[in-house]
Every structure is written in C-alpha cells, then in structure tokens.
C-alpha cells in the first residue's frame, strides 16, 4: 500500500475476552472533545451501532442546502462528544461503526480529530467495508492539510472568505492516479475540474 498510513498514537492490549485498548491519542489543546482513548468491546452493541448511524445521517443532512455554520459547528461538536464516549466505552466494534465514526471526526476542529478519523477509517478498511478507502483518503488529506503539508490524494479544496474562488489544496505530485483509484478517489484532472463547480452562481 503506497499511501501513508496514519494510526493511533499508541497501541495496548487489554484483558482477554473483555474490552481492550485499540489506540490512544494526544490530549491536544483546542480539541473539542479530546478523544484520548479508543476501546473495542468483546461483542457488537446494536444500540450503539444504530446510534452512530443516526449521527452519520445527521452529519450529512446538516451539509445539504443552505448551511448555517454557527449552528452546524455546535451540532458537530455534540456528535463528536457522543461518538467519543462510545469509543471510550468500547461500544463501537464493527466496520460499519468505524466508518460512521470516521465521518463524524472528519468534521472535527483540530488535527487530532483528523488523526482519529483516519485511524477509524483504517479499521473499517481492514474489515473490508465499502466506501472506507475514500474516507481514509479524505481524512489523511485533511490531516496533512491542517499540518501545513501537501495533501496526498487531492480530496480537499480551499476557497475565500465569501465561499468563492475554490481551488484544489496543493497535492503531492508523486501520488499517481492509479493509487487514487485504489482509494476510490477520482483522477487529478477530475479533482481539479471539480473546483470550478464548487463556487455558487452568486460568485463573481
């Protein structure tokens, strides 16, 4: 696998047959909430699985139509806190759980959240969940972008304060389209063309 794999800050084993620590993360300033630890329980939790899918649906619903970011930002934080609690309690265990949780943390407010999203996407990928390669690529790109580095795949765009003049954030030129295809990402030419479609008609 040519892509850079970014996982948790540390790994640790737990008691046999019970919850185990899957990963730990730094308590970074400004993260709301701080994740700190992800546990995996011994068996699936149907109630938690249903809830994290609901949170994913609400996350996506909030990003349709006209968006009031002052409202959505608060909702995003509440969703992250709820998912963080389930992760800390070991209640999320399936590929579908990790996929949904990755999307929630992809819309985080700090570098560590994007690291968590990438880690969760990697877990869903390992379990063969459809769509997981794309959220893995997107979370990796967002992490790198927020570290001031070129993105690896090319999933992230930046615009001006008015939401106009969108362009592709700088991309690592060594990444090939064949690698993008393995992670369900369009070609670089297609990604660049999409930037022109992101600005609303009201933009000059």
Foldseek 3Di string as FASTA:
>chain_A
DPDDQFAAPDADADDPQAKTWGHAHDCDPPWLHHLGTFIAGNDADVVLLVVLVVLLVVLVVQPDDDHDCVVSVVSLSVSLVVLSVCRVVNNQHALSSLQSNLVSLLPTDDLRSLSSSLNSLVVSVVRPHPLSLQSNQSSQQVNQVRVVHARAQFPDWDDDPVQDDIATGHYDPVHAQVNCVVSVHHGPVVSGVCRVVRRDPVDD
